[in-house]
Amino acid sequence: MLNGKSILITGGTGSFGKKCTEIILHKYKPERLIIFSRDELKQFEMAQQFPESQYDCLRYFIGDVRDKERMNRAFYNVDYVIHAAALKQVPAAEYNPFEAVKTNILGAQNIINVAIDQGVKKVIALSTDKAANPINLYGATKLCSDKLFVAGNAYVGHKSTIFSVVRYGNVAGSRGSVIPFFMKCRENGVLPITDPRMTRFWITLEQGVSFVLQCLEAMVGGELFVPKLPSMNIMDLANVIAPECKTDIIGIRPGEKLHEVMIPCDDARKSLEYDNHYIIQPDFAYWTRRFINNGGQPVSPDFEYSSDRNPWRLSPDQMREIIKNL
């Protein structure tokens, strides 16, 4: 699907963007692959990793999703947009709420409007488990962003642009992940644990990128994709990384949940189950025809996809293998 096409990745110099670039360049032959981000240093460093002599389809655009005029230029003749740009550090968003709103919400609005105006075929936006029943500002802005992208399908009129969203859990080894934090704390002999009951969904960066690209190909517009992922208890993770270390229970931090939810019970009535993922259908009744006879099975009315109730558990050996490959 990506061969001969122009693809733009917002937040292209982040953890996801770099891995997505690597996979696209190794598996496909795009006409252009545009890295759209704010940081010139990260773009310079990324250009060393993917030299122009080897990858002449790569383009680097300095820009911000807050800047509609700049995006209007960047989206010209682009076929697909993968939206990975966000302010995602929970404490930073709590302390700088207007900045999070400008990037995560107003930035989403800009992408929707510019993609429609420039005739982009597909836009897929990355979300987070924190957007389901959010308790912090980051999650709230991403929930708002998700709803904007889903509703964006109603804005297109007679044009052909479609919008969808992907939501998944903790990415092993990404910036801000607890895994590198625990590995650093191991040197001191003590691991700070928020709550020994805590559980999280886990996905590797490569799995996340592969899932997003699969969804980009399969999307019909308006759906929110949720992959089926394994969960793990925080104490099991601590024992895998540093079994010799003591643990210090410090309590749950502001804006943090004991367990993460990817599909709240309130969304069960519009959720469909597939072999390796779920889809949350849009609320707009006139779009439901898009999902008739596509192989999805309705979940039970009391279904909730949460990390504590998830029957698929990550074993210690499986987590060791993930950490070894980081």
Protein backbone atom coordinates (compact mmCIF):
# COMPACT_ATOMS: atom_id res chain seq x y z
CA MET A 1 0.00 0.00 0.00
CA LEU A 2 2.85 2.41 0.77
CA ASN A 3 4.87 1.77 -2.40
CA GLY A 4 5.02 4.87 -4.58
CA LYS A 5 3.06 6.93 -2.03
CA SER A 6 3.87 10.06 -0.02
CA ILE A 7 3.67 9.53 3.74
CA LEU A 8 4.06 12.17 6.46
CA ILE A 9 4.76 11.37 10.12
CA THR A 10 4.09 14.12 12.66
CA GLY A 11 6.40 13.82 15.65
CA GLY A 12 8.63 11.88 13.29
CA THR A 13 11.79 12.19 15.41
CA GLY A 14 10.21 10.57 18.49
CA SER A 15 10.52 6.92 19.54
CA PHE A 16 7.56 5.83 17.43
CA GLY A 17 8.47 8.03 14.47
CA LYS A 18 12.02 6.69 14.18
CA LYS A 19 10.93 3.06 14.41
CA CYS A 20 8.10 3.69 11.94
CA THR A 21 10.58 5.30 9.53
CA GLU A 22 12.93 2.34 9.86
CA ILE A 23 10.18 -0.22 9.14
CA ILE A 24 8.69 1.73 6.20
CA LEU A 25 12.12 2.19 4.60
CA HIS A 26 12.99 -1.51 4.97
CA LYS A 27 9.64 -2.95 3.86
CA TYR A 28 8.30 -0.47 1.30
CA LYS A 29 9.38 1.93 -1.44
CA PRO A 30 7.59 5.19 -0.79
CA GLU A 31 7.95 8.11 -3.19
CA ARG A 32 8.39 10.47 -0.21
CA LEU A 33 8.59 9.93 3.54
CA ILE A 34 8.29 13.26 5.34
CA ILE A 35 9.50 13.67 8.92
CA PHE A 36 7.54 16.58 10.41
CA SER A 37 8.75 17.75 13.84
CA ARG A 38 9.89 20.76 15.87
CA ASP A 39 13.44 19.78 16.85
CA GLU A 40 16.18 20.53 14.32
CA LEU A 41 18.83 18.68 16.37
CA LYS A 42 16.79 15.47 16.43
CA GLN A 43 16.22 15.79 12.70
CA PHE A 44 19.97 16.23 12.16
CA GLU A 45 20.69 13.13 14.28
CA MET A 46 18.01 11.14 12.46
CA ALA A 47 19.54 12.12 9.12
CA GLN A 48 22.81 10.50 10.28
CA GLN A 49 20.93 7.29 11.03
CA PHE A 50 19.14 7.36 7.65
CA PRO A 51 21.59 9.07 5.25
CA GLU A 52 20.26 10.76 2.10
CA SER A 53 22.71 8.78 -0.04
CA GLN A 54 20.89 5.62 1.00
CA TYR A 55 17.32 6.90 1.42
CA ASP A 56 16.64 9.63 -1.14
CA CYS A 57 12.87 9.57 -0.45
CA LEU A 58 13.31 11.12 3.02
CA ARG A 59 12.36 14.75 3.64
CA TYR A 60 12.71 16.69 6.89
CA PHE A 61 10.24 19.47 7.66
CA ILE A 62 10.71 21.72 10.69
CA GLY A 63 7.22 22.54 11.90
CA ASP A 64 4.65 22.36 14.67
CA VAL A 65 1.13 20.91 14.51
CA ARG A 66 0.01 24.18 16.11
CA ASP A 67 1.07 26.02 12.92
CA LYS A 68 -1.71 25.48 10.36
CA GLU A 69 0.03 27.48 7.63
CA ARG A 70 3.18 25.37 7.87
CA MET A 71 1.18 22.14 7.78
CA ASN A 72 -0.74 23.39 4.78
CA ARG A 73 2.58 23.49 2.94
CA ALA A 74 3.84 20.17 4.36
CA PHE A 75 0.65 18.21 3.50
CA TYR A 76 0.73 19.18 -0.18
CA ASN A 77 0.45 16.02 -2.36
CA VAL A 78 0.66 13.74 0.71
CA ASP A 79 -1.30 10.47 0.54
CA TYR A 80 -1.16 9.28 4.17
CA VAL A 81 -0.54 11.01 7.50
CA ILE A 82 0.52 9.15 10.66
CA HIS A 83 -0.06 11.52 13.57
CA ALA A 84 2.36 10.73 16.41
CA ALA A 85 3.12 14.26 17.68
CA ALA A 86 1.93 14.99 21.23
CA LEU A 87 2.88 16.48 24.57
CA LYS A 88 2.64 13.27 26.58
CA GLN A 89 4.52 13.67 29.86
CA VAL A 90 1.79 13.59 32.53
CA PRO A 91 3.45 15.93 35.10
CA ALA A 92 4.44 18.43 32.39
CA ALA A 93 0.89 18.50 31.05
CA GLU A 94 -0.52 19.08 34.55
CA TYR A 95 1.83 22.03 35.11
CA ASN A 96 1.48 23.46 31.57
CA PRO A 97 -2.14 22.65 30.71
CA PHE A 98 -2.62 25.28 28.01
CA GLU A 99 0.44 24.00 26.14
CA ALA A 100 -0.94 20.44 26.17
CA VAL A 101 -4.28 21.73 24.86
CA LYS A 102 -2.58 23.69 22.06
CA THR A 103 -0.60 20.68 20.82
CA ASN A 104 -2.89 17.73 21.54
CA ILE A 105 -6.29 19.32 20.80
CA LEU A 106 -5.80 22.37 18.60
CA GLY A 107 -3.03 20.51 16.76
CA ALA A 108 -5.52 17.70 16.01
CA GLN A 109 -8.01 20.24 14.69
CA ASN A 110 -5.32 21.70 12.39
CA ILE A 111 -4.42 18.27 11.04
CA ILE A 112 -8.07 17.47 10.27
CA ASN A 113 -8.70 20.74 8.45
CA VAL A 114 -5.46 20.74 6.48
CA ALA A 115 -5.75 17.03 5.53
CA ILE A 116 -9.23 17.65 4.09
CA ASP A 117 -8.15 20.81 2.26
CA GLN A 118 -5.08 19.12 0.75
CA GLY A 119 -6.89 15.90 -0.24
CA VAL A 120 -4.93 13.52 2.02
CA LYS A 121 -6.41 10.03 1.57
CA LYS A 122 -5.96 8.61 5.09
CA VAL A 123 -5.01 10.01 8.50
CA ILE A 124 -4.37 7.66 11.41
CA ALA A 125 -3.80 9.20 14.84
CA LEU A 126 -2.01 7.60 17.80
CA SER A 127 -3.87 7.64 21.10
CA THR A 128 -3.14 6.18 24.55
CA ASP A 129 -4.76 4.01 27.20
CA LYS A 130 -4.83 7.14 29.36
CA ALA A 131 -7.57 8.52 27.08
CA ALA A 132 -10.02 5.88 28.35
CA ASN A 133 -11.81 7.25 31.43
CA PRO A 134 -9.05 9.89 31.83
CA ILE A 135 -8.01 11.17 35.25
CA ASN A 136 -5.16 13.44 34.13
CA LEU A 137 -4.95 16.31 31.66
CA TYR A 138 -2.85 14.38 29.15
CA GLY A 139 -5.50 11.64 28.98
CA ALA A 140 -8.27 14.24 28.74
CA THR A 141 -6.59 16.05 25.83
CA LYS A 142 -6.04 12.75 24.00
CA LEU A 143 -9.68 11.73 24.55
CA CYS A 144 -10.70 15.07 23.03
CA SER A 145 -8.25 14.50 20.16
CA ASP A 146 -9.68 11.00 19.55
CA LYS A 147 -13.21 12.39 19.30
CA LEU A 148 -12.06 15.14 16.94
CA PHE A 149 -10.48 12.63 14.56
CA VAL A 150 -13.51 10.32 14.62
CA ALA A 151 -15.85 13.27 13.99
CA GLY A 152 -13.47 14.52 11.29
CA ASN A 153 -15.08 11.97 8.97
CA ALA A 154 -18.26 14.07 9.09
CA TYR A 155 -16.36 17.20 8.04
CA VAL A 156 -15.09 15.87 4.72
CA GLY A 157 -18.37 16.33 2.84
CA HIS A 158 -17.92 14.94 -0.67
CA LYS A 159 -14.13 14.68 -0.34
CA SER A 160 -12.42 11.32 0.20
CA THR A 161 -10.25 11.86 3.32
CA ILE A 162 -10.87 9.36 6.14
CA PHE A 163 -9.69 9.48 9.76
CA SER A 164 -9.14 6.70 12.33
CA VAL A 165 -7.43 6.28 15.71
CA VAL A 166 -5.16 3.64 17.28
CA ARG A 167 -5.03 3.21 21.06
CA TYR A 168 -2.53 0.98 22.87
CA GLY A 169 -0.74 0.60 26.22
CA ASN A 170 2.77 1.07 27.64
CA VAL A 171 5.55 0.84 25.08
CA ALA A 172 8.49 -1.15 26.45
CA GLY A 173 11.67 0.92 26.48
CA SER A 174 10.17 4.14 25.08
CA ARG A 175 11.08 7.51 26.55
CA GLY A 176 9.45 7.77 29.97
CA SER A 177 8.92 4.00 30.25
CA VAL A 178 9.40 2.40 33.66
CA ILE A 179 11.78 -0.24 32.23
CA PRO A 180 14.80 2.06 31.64
CA PHE A 181 13.93 3.82 34.91
CA PHE A 182 14.09 0.53 36.85
CA MET A 183 17.33 -0.42 35.10
CA LYS A 184 18.89 2.84 36.23
CA CYS A 185 17.57 2.44 39.80
CA ARG A 186 19.10 -1.04 39.90
CA GLU A 187 22.50 0.60 40.32
CA ASN A 188 21.35 2.01 43.69
CA GLY A 189 19.89 -1.30 44.91
CA VAL A 190 16.39 0.11 45.52
CA LEU A 191 13.38 0.19 43.16
CA PRO A 192 10.63 2.72 43.96
CA ILE A 193 7.23 1.02 43.54
CA THR A 194 4.06 3.11 43.44
CA ASP A 195 1.71 0.26 44.41
CA PRO A 196 2.44 -3.51 44.39
CA ARG A 197 -1.05 -4.21 42.93
CA MET A 198 -0.45 -2.05 39.85
CA THR A 199 -0.83 -3.63 36.39
CA ARG A 200 -0.17 -2.34 32.87
CA PHE A 201 -0.64 -3.45 29.25
CA TRP A 202 2.66 -3.92 27.37
CA ILE A 203 3.63 -3.62 23.71
CA THR A 204 7.02 -3.32 22.01
CA LEU A 205 7.81 -0.39 19.74
CA GLU A 206 8.04 -2.67 16.71
CA GLN A 207 4.67 -4.28 17.53
CA GLY A 208 3.13 -0.83 17.92
CA VAL A 209 4.40 0.36 14.53
CA SER A 210 3.33 -2.86 12.80
CA PHE A 211 -0.15 -2.58 14.29
CA VAL A 212 -0.49 1.06 13.20
CA LEU A 213 0.55 0.19 9.63
CA GLN A 214 -1.94 -2.71 9.57
CA CYS A 215 -4.67 -0.35 10.76
CA LEU A 216 -3.67 2.25 8.17
CA GLU A 217 -4.30 -0.34 5.47
CA ALA A 218 -7.53 -1.74 6.97
CA MET A 219 -9.20 1.49 8.16
CA VAL A 220 -12.53 2.55 6.68
CA GLY A 221 -12.84 5.76 8.76
CA GLY A 222 -14.34 6.53 12.15
CA GLU A 223 -13.12 3.48 14.04
CA LEU A 224 -10.79 3.34 17.06
CA PHE A 225 -8.46 0.32 16.93
CA VAL A 226 -7.32 -1.41 20.15
CA PRO A 227 -4.81 -4.30 19.93
CA LYS A 228 -5.03 -7.36 22.14
CA LEU A 229 -2.04 -7.08 24.48
CA PRO A 230 -0.63 -8.94 27.50
CA SER A 231 -0.64 -7.40 30.98
CA MET A 232 1.93 -7.60 33.77
CA ASN A 233 2.00 -6.74 37.45
CA ILE A 234 4.57 -4.12 38.50
CA MET A 235 6.13 -6.43 41.11
CA ASP A 236 6.65 -9.16 38.48
CA LEU A 237 8.36 -6.57 36.28
CA ALA A 238 10.58 -5.47 39.17
CA ASN A 239 11.57 -9.09 39.86
CA VAL A 240 12.50 -9.57 36.20
CA ILE A 241 14.67 -6.45 36.01
CA ALA A 242 16.28 -6.46 39.46
CA PRO A 243 15.42 -9.49 41.63
CA GLU A 244 18.29 -8.65 43.96
CA CYS A 245 17.01 -5.13 44.75
CA LYS A 246 14.89 -3.95 47.63
CA THR A 247 11.60 -2.21 46.87
CA ASP A 248 10.36 1.05 48.34
CA ILE A 249 6.56 1.60 48.20
CA ILE A 250 6.09 5.32 47.44
CA GLY A 251 2.37 5.49 46.62
CA ILE A 252 0.51 6.27 43.41
CA ARG A 253 1.53 9.58 41.83
CA PRO A 254 -0.94 12.32 40.90
CA GLY A 255 -2.77 11.53 37.65
CA GLU A 256 -1.85 7.84 37.78
CA LYS A 257 -4.20 4.83 37.81
CA LEU A 258 -3.84 1.54 39.63
CA HIS A 259 -4.88 -0.31 36.46
CA GLU A 260 -5.15 0.98 32.89
CA VAL A 261 -8.28 0.63 30.75
CA MET A 262 -8.31 0.56 26.96
CA ILE A 263 -12.02 -0.10 26.43
CA PRO A 264 -14.29 1.20 29.22
CA CYS A 265 -17.48 -0.71 30.02
CA ASP A 266 -19.48 2.25 28.68
CA ASP A 267 -18.01 1.59 25.22
CA ALA A 268 -18.84 -2.14 25.23
CA ARG A 269 -22.14 -1.61 23.38
CA LYS A 270 -20.29 -0.29 20.32
CA SER A 271 -17.17 -2.52 20.46
CA LEU A 272 -16.38 -5.38 18.09
CA GLU A 273 -13.85 -8.17 18.68
CA TYR A 274 -11.50 -9.60 16.04
CA ASP A 275 -8.71 -12.19 16.21
CA ASN A 276 -5.94 -9.82 17.33
CA HIS A 277 -7.73 -6.55 18.10
CA TYR A 278 -10.95 -4.73 18.97
CA ILE A 279 -12.69 -1.83 17.23
CA ILE A 280 -14.73 0.83 18.99
CA GLN A 281 -17.29 1.99 16.44
CA PRO A 282 -18.24 5.66 16.15
CA ASP A 283 -21.37 6.96 17.85
CA PHE A 284 -22.76 8.23 14.57
CA ALA A 285 -25.39 5.72 13.48
CA TYR A 286 -25.06 6.55 9.77
CA TRP A 287 -21.49 5.16 9.77
CA THR A 288 -22.29 1.74 11.24
CA ARG A 289 -22.87 0.34 7.75
CA ARG A 290 -19.10 0.53 7.28
CA PHE A 291 -18.65 -2.24 9.87
CA ILE A 292 -21.44 -4.63 8.79
CA ASN A 293 -20.23 -8.10 7.77
CA ASN A 294 -16.54 -7.30 8.32
CA GLY A 295 -15.97 -10.26 10.65
CA GLY A 296 -16.24 -8.47 13.98
CA GLN A 297 -18.20 -9.98 16.86
CA PRO A 298 -19.98 -7.79 19.46
CA VAL A 299 -18.50 -8.06 22.96
CA SER A 300 -20.65 -8.72 26.02
CA PRO A 301 -22.57 -5.72 27.45
CA ASP A 302 -20.47 -5.75 30.66
CA PHE A 303 -17.12 -6.09 28.84
CA GLU A 304 -14.23 -3.91 30.00
CA TYR A 305 -10.73 -4.25 28.60
CA SER A 306 -8.56 -3.41 31.61
CA SER A 307 -5.05 -4.51 32.56
CA ASP A 308 -6.18 -6.21 35.80
CA ARG A 309 -9.03 -8.20 34.20
CA ASN A 310 -7.04 -9.13 31.11
CA PRO A 311 -6.60 -12.96 30.94
CA TRP A 312 -3.45 -12.67 28.78
CA ARG A 313 -0.49 -12.29 31.13
CA LEU A 314 3.12 -11.65 30.18
CA SER A 315 5.42 -14.27 31.71
CA PRO A 316 8.78 -13.31 33.30
CA ASP A 317 10.63 -15.10 30.47
CA GLN A 318 8.68 -13.19 27.84
CA MET A 319 9.48 -9.87 29.52
CA ARG A 320 13.18 -10.84 29.77
CA GLU A 321 13.15 -11.46 26.02
CA ILE A 322 11.56 -8.04 25.38
CA ILE A 323 14.14 -6.29 27.58
CA LYS A 324 16.99 -8.18 25.91
CA ASN A 325 15.88 -6.89 22.50
CA LEU A 326 15.51 -3.24 23.51
